[in-house]
């Protein structure tokens, strides 16, 4: 199937912690998060190449990289990502996935092909529209979280925190819910204005802003500068 790719990062050590990866940034996303640093990729027309180019690149990196990570945009917006995952897996690469959780049904199809998932946890589920601009997005995100956890696939939940979108209480409530669902690894990513649309105030948070109670709930916790 066709695949609309906006760009390929040839080498990354951060998109899948512990793996040397190439990253395919797929075009298209149904949500409109104001802190997104890849917002031009929301438009499917941002694509510059396709599956043939990705596979040719992957072939040239056999034995040099561990994995291919599918990111975006939202990679699961495209049905063709499933065939792409199968193809790079057949070449001997591990498969990573970055997803916002907007497509729980396609995520269930993808999970048998995926070795690790970085799943956005943007806000408490009942406050998701604040981050995405889309009604009902929290239900889809929670369904996606539950699908990943039920599959047993290795995962990390990631929360980007801008103080005008999430209060300290929101962050604490989200952390408690993630831990109650069985999430073991959580990362808080501080907002950074570079690369965004600039619609949010240029404010950020610091490691000490994350409540100790929230941090202590996880086997693995990390604070990151986005």
C-alpha atoms as a PDB file:
ATOM      1  CA  UNK A   1       0.000   0.000   0.000  1.00  0.00           C
ATOM      2  CA  UNK A   2       1.081   3.589  -0.538  1.00  0.00           C
ATOM      3  CA  UNK A   3       2.787   5.463   2.274  1.00  0.00           C
ATOM      4  CA  UNK A   4       3.115   9.238   2.575  1.00  0.00           C
ATOM      5  CA  UNK A   5       6.386  10.047   4.359  1.00  0.00           C
ATOM      6  CA  UNK A   6       7.333  13.630   5.172  1.00  0.00           C
ATOM      7  CA  UNK A   7      10.939  12.782   6.010  1.00  0.00           C
ATOM      8  CA  UNK A   8      13.375  10.151   7.245  1.00  0.00           C
ATOM      9  CA  UNK A   9      15.813  10.760  10.104  1.00  0.00           C
ATOM     10  CA  UNK A  10      18.749   8.453   9.314  1.00  0.00           C
ATOM     11  CA  UNK A  11      20.059   8.069  12.864  1.00  0.00           C
ATOM     12  CA  UNK A  12      18.514   8.649  16.280  1.00  0.00           C
ATOM     13  CA  UNK A  13      19.380   7.575  19.797  1.00  0.00           C
ATOM     14  CA  UNK A  14      16.428   9.324  21.457  1.00  0.00           C
ATOM     15  CA  UNK A  15      13.301   8.253  19.574  1.00  0.00           C
ATOM     16  CA  UNK A  16      13.491   4.764  21.064  1.00  0.00           C
ATOM     17  CA  UNK A  17      15.533   4.796  24.273  1.00  0.00           C
ATOM     18  CA  UNK A  18      18.225   2.142  24.118  1.00  0.00           C
ATOM     19  CA  UNK A  19      18.053   1.577  20.354  1.00  0.00           C
ATOM     20  CA  UNK A  20      19.902   3.023  17.371  1.00  0.00           C
ATOM     21  CA  UNK A  21      17.044   3.856  15.052  1.00  0.00           C
ATOM     22  CA  UNK A  22      16.012   5.427  11.805  1.00  0.00           C
ATOM     23  CA  UNK A  23      12.788   7.399  12.089  1.00  0.00           C
ATOM     24  CA  UNK A  24      10.133   7.679   9.382  1.00  0.00           C
ATOM     25  CA  UNK A  25       7.925  10.744   9.891  1.00  0.00           C
ATOM     26  CA  UNK A  26       4.582   9.983   8.316  1.00  0.00           C
ATOM     27  CA  UNK A  27       2.346  12.775   7.057  1.00  0.00           C
ATOM     28  CA  UNK A  28      -1.130  13.473   8.432  1.00  0.00           C
ATOM     29  CA  UNK A  29      -2.669  13.804  11.900  1.00  0.00           C
ATOM     30  CA  UNK A  30      -6.310  14.307  12.970  1.00  0.00           C
ATOM     31  CA  UNK A  31      -5.503  16.259  16.144  1.00  0.00           C
ATOM     32  CA  UNK A  32      -4.354  19.860  16.555  1.00  0.00           C
ATOM     33  CA  UNK A  33      -2.196  19.963  19.681  1.00  0.00           C
ATOM     34  CA  UNK A  34      -0.902  23.544  20.088  1.00  0.00           C
ATOM     35  CA  UNK A  35       2.507  22.414  21.379  1.00  0.00           C
ATOM     36  CA  UNK A  36       3.241  20.110  18.440  1.00  0.00           C
ATOM     37  CA  UNK A  37       6.745  20.634  17.076  1.00  0.00           C
ATOM     38  CA  UNK A  38       5.912  18.699  13.898  1.00  0.00           C
ATOM     39  CA  UNK A  39       2.755  20.649  13.065  1.00  0.00           C
ATOM     40  CA  UNK A  40       3.543  20.964   9.303  1.00  0.00           C
ATOM     41  CA  UNK A  41       3.257  17.166   9.175  1.00  0.00           C
ATOM     42  CA  UNK A  42      -0.457  17.384  10.017  1.00  0.00           C
ATOM     43  CA  UNK A  43      -1.046  17.986   6.309  1.00  0.00           C
ATOM     44  CA  UNK A  44      -0.857  14.813   4.172  1.00  0.00           C
ATOM     45  CA  UNK A  45       0.512  17.026   1.412  1.00  0.00           C
ATOM     46  CA  UNK A  46       3.736  17.422   3.420  1.00  0.00           C
ATOM     47  CA  UNK A  47       4.877  14.020   2.106  1.00  0.00           C
ATOM     48  CA  UNK A  48       8.133  13.998   0.177  1.00  0.00           C
ATOM     49  CA  UNK A  49       8.683  10.268  -0.374  1.00  0.00           C
ATOM     50  CA  UNK A  50       7.054   6.872  -0.018  1.00  0.00           C
ATOM     51  CA  UNK A  51       7.507   3.255   0.965  1.00  0.00           C
ATOM     52  CA  UNK A  52      10.015   2.417  -1.778  1.00  0.00           C
ATOM     53  CA  UNK A  53      12.359   5.131  -0.542  1.00  0.00           C
ATOM     54  CA  UNK A  54      12.025   3.972   3.052  1.00  0.00           C
ATOM     55  CA  UNK A  55      12.802   0.373   2.186  1.00  0.00           C
ATOM     56  CA  UNK A  56      15.772   1.362   0.046  1.00  0.00           C
ATOM     57  CA  UNK A  57      17.130   3.409   2.917  1.00  0.00           C
ATOM     58  CA  UNK A  58      16.545   0.586   5.401  1.00  0.00           C
ATOM     59  CA  UNK A  59      18.349  -1.834   3.116  1.00  0.00           C
ATOM     60  CA  UNK A  60      21.386   0.456   3.128  1.00  0.00           C
ATOM     61  CA  UNK A  61      21.415   0.429   6.942  1.00  0.00           C
ATOM     62  CA  UNK A  62      21.198  -3.318   7.584  1.00  0.00           C
ATOM     63  CA  UNK A  63      23.672  -4.253  10.297  1.00  0.00           C
ATOM     64  CA  UNK A  64      24.163  -0.601  11.262  1.00  0.00           C
ATOM     65  CA  UNK A  65      20.853   0.191  12.966  1.00  0.00           C
ATOM     66  CA  UNK A  66      18.695  -1.748  15.391  1.00  0.00           C
ATOM     67  CA  UNK A  67      15.282  -0.438  14.491  1.00  0.00           C
ATOM     68  CA  UNK A  68      12.939   1.657  12.402  1.00  0.00           C
ATOM     69  CA  UNK A  69      10.587   3.933  14.332  1.00  0.00           C
ATOM     70  CA  UNK A  70       7.343   5.090  12.728  1.00  0.00           C
ATOM     71  CA  UNK A  71       6.493   8.586  13.909  1.00  0.00           C
ATOM     72  CA  UNK A  72       4.660  11.579  12.553  1.00  0.00           C
ATOM     73  CA  UNK A  73       2.302  13.282  12.307  1.00  0.00           C
ATOM     74  CA  UNK A  74       0.296  10.280  13.374  1.00  0.00           C
ATOM     75  CA  UNK A  75       1.594   7.151  11.632  1.00  0.00           C
ATOM     76  CA  UNK A  76      -1.570   5.141  12.252  1.00  0.00           C
ATOM     77  CA  UNK A  77      -3.557   7.647  10.185  1.00  0.00           C
ATOM     78  CA  UNK A  78      -2.280   5.653   7.186  1.00  0.00           C
ATOM     79  CA  UNK A  79      -3.319   2.053   6.612  1.00  0.00           C
ATOM     80  CA  UNK A  80      -0.117   1.542   4.622  1.00  0.00           C
ATOM     81  CA  UNK A  81       1.971   1.735   7.782  1.00  0.00           C
ATOM     82  CA  UNK A  82       1.077  -1.890   8.535  1.00  0.00           C
ATOM     83  CA  UNK A  83       2.683  -3.160   5.331  1.00  0.00           C
ATOM     84  CA  UNK A  84       5.681  -0.933   5.979  1.00  0.00           C
ATOM     85  CA  UNK A  85       6.099  -2.444   9.436  1.00  0.00           C
ATOM     86  CA  UNK A  86       5.933  -5.948   8.009  1.00  0.00           C
ATOM     87  CA  UNK A  87       8.502  -5.082   5.372  1.00  0.00           C
ATOM     88  CA  UNK A  88      11.127  -3.578   7.688  1.00  0.00           C
ATOM     89  CA  UNK A  89      10.550  -6.373  10.179  1.00  0.00           C
ATOM     90  CA  UNK A  90      11.233  -8.919   7.423  1.00  0.00           C
ATOM     91  CA  UNK A  91      14.538  -7.121   6.820  1.00  0.00           C
ATOM     92  CA  UNK A  92      15.596  -7.850  10.406  1.00  0.00           C
ATOM     93  CA  UNK A  93      14.822  -4.530  12.073  1.00  0.00           C
ATOM     94  CA  UNK A  94      12.915  -4.059  15.273  1.00  0.00           C
ATOM     95  CA  UNK A  95       9.867  -1.810  14.930  1.00  0.00           C
ATOM     96  CA  UNK A  96       9.040   1.169  17.132  1.00  0.00           C
ATOM     97  CA  UNK A  97       5.898   3.279  17.038  1.00  0.00           C
ATOM     98  CA  UNK A  98       5.115   6.794  18.230  1.00  0.00           C
ATOM     99  CA  UNK A  99       1.363   7.326  18.435  1.00  0.00           C
ATOM    100  CA  UNK A 100      -1.090   9.798  19.908  1.00  0.00           C
ATOM    101  CA  UNK A 101      -3.671   7.045  20.303  1.00  0.00           C
ATOM    102  CA  UNK A 102      -6.210   8.468  17.869  1.00  0.00           C
ATOM    103  CA  UNK A 103      -6.751   5.139  16.060  1.00  0.00           C
ATOM    104  CA  UNK A 104      -7.218   2.320  18.596  1.00  0.00           C
ATOM    105  CA  UNK A 105      -8.521  -0.207  16.057  1.00  0.00           C
ATOM    106  CA  UNK A 106      -5.536   0.202  13.730  1.00  0.00           C
ATOM    107  CA  UNK A 107      -3.258   0.177  16.756  1.00  0.00           C
ATOM    108  CA  UNK A 108      -4.568  -3.273  17.650  1.00  0.00           C
ATOM    109  CA  UNK A 109      -3.674  -4.416  14.130  1.00  0.00           C
ATOM    110  CA  UNK A 110      -0.197  -2.928  14.450  1.00  0.00           C
ATOM    111  CA  UNK A 111       0.720  -4.251  17.890  1.00  0.00           C
ATOM    112  CA  UNK A 112       1.736  -7.777  16.740  1.00  0.00           C
ATOM    113  CA  UNK A 113       4.223  -6.071  14.397  1.00  0.00           C
ATOM    114  CA  UNK A 114       5.644  -3.646  16.979  1.00  0.00           C
ATOM    115  CA  UNK A 115       8.361  -4.154  19.599  1.00  0.00           C
ATOM    116  CA  UNK A 116       7.963  -0.854  21.476  1.00  0.00           C
ATOM    117  CA  UNK A 117       5.391   1.944  21.667  1.00  0.00           C
ATOM    118  CA  UNK A 118       5.823   5.556  22.742  1.00  0.00           C
ATOM    119  CA  UNK A 119       2.239   6.551  23.547  1.00  0.00           C
ATOM    120  CA  UNK A 120       1.175  10.117  24.248  1.00  0.00           C
ATOM    121  CA  UNK A 121      -0.789  10.683  27.443  1.00  0.00           C
ATOM    122  CA  UNK A 122      -1.740  14.296  26.861  1.00  0.00           C
ATOM    123  CA  UNK A 123      -4.131  15.049  29.727  1.00  0.00           C
ATOM    124  CA  UNK A 124      -6.644  13.450  32.055  1.00  0.00           C
ATOM    125  CA  UNK A 125      -9.004  11.587  29.728  1.00  0.00           C
ATOM    126  CA  UNK A 126     -11.939  13.891  30.435  1.00  0.00           C
ATOM    127  CA  UNK A 127      -9.813  16.953  29.615  1.00  0.00           C
ATOM    128  CA  UNK A 128      -8.237  15.715  26.385  1.00  0.00           C
ATOM    129  CA  UNK A 129      -9.990  18.178  24.118  1.00  0.00           C
ATOM    130  CA  UNK A 130      -8.009  20.919  25.862  1.00  0.00           C
ATOM    131  CA  UNK A 131      -4.837  19.498  24.286  1.00  0.00           C
ATOM    132  CA  UNK A 132      -6.109  18.076  20.985  1.00  0.00           C
ATOM    133  CA  UNK A 133      -8.912  20.436  20.012  1.00  0.00           C
ATOM    134  CA  UNK A 134     -11.035  17.379  19.176  1.00  0.00           C
ATOM    135  CA  UNK A 135     -14.068  16.197  21.111  1.00  0.00           C
ATOM    136  CA  UNK A 136     -13.943  12.535  22.167  1.00  0.00           C
ATOM    137  CA  UNK A 137     -10.179  12.271  21.770  1.00  0.00           C
ATOM    138  CA  UNK A 138      -9.741  11.180  25.382  1.00  0.00           C
ATOM    139  CA  UNK A 139     -11.862   8.087  24.848  1.00  0.00           C
ATOM    140  CA  UNK A 140      -9.747   7.048  21.856  1.00  0.00           C
ATOM    141  CA  UNK A 141      -6.501   7.669  23.749  1.00  0.00           C
ATOM    142  CA  UNK A 142      -7.616   5.642  26.754  1.00  0.00           C
ATOM    143  CA  UNK A 143      -8.736   2.784  24.516  1.00  0.00           C
ATOM    144  CA  UNK A 144      -5.331   2.853  22.841  1.00  0.00           C
ATOM    145  CA  UNK A 145      -3.529   2.768  26.193  1.00  0.00           C
ATOM    146  CA  UNK A 146      -5.568  -0.220  27.292  1.00  0.00           C
ATOM    147  CA  UNK A 147      -4.845  -2.006  23.998  1.00  0.00           C
ATOM    148  CA  UNK A 148      -1.081  -1.549  24.367  1.00  0.00           C
ATOM    149  CA  UNK A 149      -1.101  -2.714  27.976  1.00  0.00           C
ATOM    150  CA  UNK A 150      -3.255  -5.756  27.164  1.00  0.00           C
ATOM    151  CA  UNK A 151      -0.844  -6.745  24.392  1.00  0.00           C
ATOM    152  CA  UNK A 152       2.175  -6.805  26.704  1.00  0.00           C
ATOM    153  CA  UNK A 153       4.180  -4.718  24.231  1.00  0.00           C
ATOM    154  CA  UNK A 154       6.952  -2.662  25.826  1.00  0.00           C
ATOM    155  CA  UNK A 155       5.844   0.942  26.111  1.00  0.00           C
ATOM    156  CA  UNK A 156       6.457   4.385  27.503  1.00  0.00           C
ATOM    157  CA  UNK A 157       3.752   6.961  28.207  1.00  0.00           C
ATOM    158  CA  UNK A 158       4.803  10.555  27.476  1.00  0.00           C
ATOM    159  CA  UNK A 159       3.122  13.752  28.669  1.00  0.00           C
ATOM    160  CA  UNK A 160       4.012  17.163  27.257  1.00  0.00           C
ATOM    161  CA  UNK A 161       3.293  19.755  29.925  1.00  0.00           C
ATOM    162  CA  UNK A 162       2.448  23.365  29.182  1.00  0.00           C
ATOM    163  CA  UNK A 163       1.199  25.217  32.274  1.00  0.00           C
ATOM    164  CA  UNK A 164      -1.734  26.814  30.442  1.00  0.00           C
ATOM    165  CA  UNK A 165      -3.033  23.394  29.365  1.00  0.00           C
ATOM    166  CA  UNK A 166      -2.334  21.267  32.442  1.00  0.00           C
ATOM    167  CA  UNK A 167      -2.319  22.233  36.093  1.00  0.00           C
ATOM    168  CA  UNK A 168      -0.190  20.457  38.677  1.00  0.00           C
ATOM    169  CA  UNK A 169      -3.387  18.723  39.798  1.00  0.00           C
ATOM    170  CA  UNK A 170      -4.045  17.542  36.230  1.00  0.00           C
ATOM    171  CA  UNK A 171      -0.548  16.075  36.020  1.00  0.00           C
ATOM    172  CA  UNK A 172      -0.940  14.326  39.365  1.00  0.00           C
ATOM    173  CA  UNK A 173      -4.350  12.927  38.390  1.00  0.00           C
ATOM    174  CA  UNK A 174      -3.062  11.674  35.045  1.00  0.00           C
ATOM    175  CA  UNK A 175      -0.029  10.030  36.663  1.00  0.00           C
ATOM    176  CA  UNK A 176      -2.230   8.260  39.198  1.00  0.00           C
ATOM    177  CA  UNK A 177      -4.503   6.945  36.463  1.00  0.00           C
ATOM    178  CA  UNK A 178      -1.615   5.761  34.290  1.00  0.00           C
ATOM    179  CA  UNK A 179      -0.089   3.916  37.252  1.00  0.00           C
ATOM    180  CA  UNK A 180      -3.451   2.398  38.163  1.00  0.00           C
ATOM    181  CA  UNK A 181      -3.725   1.019  34.634  1.00  0.00           C
ATOM    182  CA  UNK A 182      -0.300  -0.606  34.973  1.00  0.00           C
ATOM    183  CA  UNK A 183       1.981   1.805  33.113  1.00  0.00           C
ATOM    184  CA  UNK A 184       5.552   1.307  34.350  1.00  0.00           C
ATOM    185  CA  UNK A 185       7.432   3.961  32.338  1.00  0.00           C
ATOM    186  CA  UNK A 186       6.398   7.628  32.199  1.00  0.00           C
ATOM    187  CA  UNK A 187       8.187  10.648  30.789  1.00  0.00           C
ATOM    188  CA  UNK A 188       7.224  14.285  31.295  1.00  0.00           C
ATOM    189  CA  UNK A 189       8.312  16.531  28.431  1.00  0.00           C
ATOM    190  CA  UNK A 190       8.586  20.262  29.131  1.00  0.00           C
ATOM    191  CA  UNK A 191       7.041  22.511  26.507  1.00  0.00           C
ATOM    192  CA  UNK A 192       9.451  24.284  24.207  1.00  0.00           C
ATOM    193  CA  UNK A 193       8.199  26.869  21.735  1.00  0.00           C
ATOM    194  CA  UNK A 194      10.749  26.156  18.984  1.00  0.00           C
ATOM    195  CA  UNK A 195       9.039  24.634  15.976  1.00  0.00           C
ATOM    196  CA  UNK A 196       5.482  25.166  17.223  1.00  0.00           C
ATOM    197  CA  UNK A 197       2.807  27.446  15.798  1.00  0.00           C
ATOM    198  CA  UNK A 198       3.469  29.882  18.646  1.00  0.00           C
ATOM    199  CA  UNK A 199      -0.139  29.947  19.780  1.00  0.00           C
ATOM    200  CA  UNK A 200       0.768  29.135  23.384  1.00  0.00           C
ATOM    201  CA  UNK A 201       2.503  31.547  25.783  1.00  0.00           C
ATOM    202  CA  UNK A 202       6.251  30.954  25.892  1.00  0.00           C
ATOM    203  CA  UNK A 203       6.220  29.328  29.318  1.00  0.00           C
ATOM    204  CA  UNK A 204       7.646  26.069  30.546  1.00  0.00           C
ATOM    205  CA  UNK A 205       7.919  23.805  33.583  1.00  0.00           C
ATOM    206  CA  UNK A 206      10.873  22.394  35.505  1.00  0.00           C
ATOM    207  CA  UNK A 207      11.708  19.021  37.041  1.00  0.00           C
ATOM    208  CA  UNK A 208      10.724  20.217  40.512  1.00  0.00           C
ATOM    209  CA  UNK A 209       7.226  21.114  39.237  1.00  0.00           C
ATOM    210  CA  UNK A 210       6.347  17.449  38.830  1.00  0.00           C
ATOM    211  CA  UNK A 211       4.853  16.278  42.140  1.00  0.00           C
ATOM    212  CA  UNK A 212       7.035  13.775  43.980  1.00  0.00           C
ATOM    213  CA  UNK A 213       3.980  11.588  44.500  1.00  0.00           C
ATOM    214  CA  UNK A 214       3.488  11.398  40.724  1.00  0.00           C
ATOM    215  CA  UNK A 215       7.139  10.630  40.013  1.00  0.00           C
ATOM    216  CA  UNK A 216       7.272   7.845  42.576  1.00  0.00           C
ATOM    217  CA  UNK A 217       4.444   5.849  41.011  1.00  0.00           C
ATOM    218  CA  UNK A 218       6.540   4.476  38.155  1.00  0.00           C
ATOM    219  CA  UNK A 219       9.334   1.958  37.780  1.00  0.00           C
ATOM    220  CA  UNK A 220      10.901   4.329  35.233  1.00  0.00           C
ATOM    221  CA  UNK A 221      10.361   8.098  35.291  1.00  0.00           C
ATOM    222  CA  UNK A 222      12.171  10.772  33.266  1.00  0.00           C
ATOM    223  CA  UNK A 223      11.843  14.539  32.861  1.00  0.00           C
ATOM    224  CA  UNK A 224      12.811  15.768  29.386  1.00  0.00           C
ATOM    225  CA  UNK A 225      13.302  19.035  27.640  1.00  0.00           C
ATOM    226  CA  UNK A 226      11.208  18.640  24.475  1.00  0.00           C
END
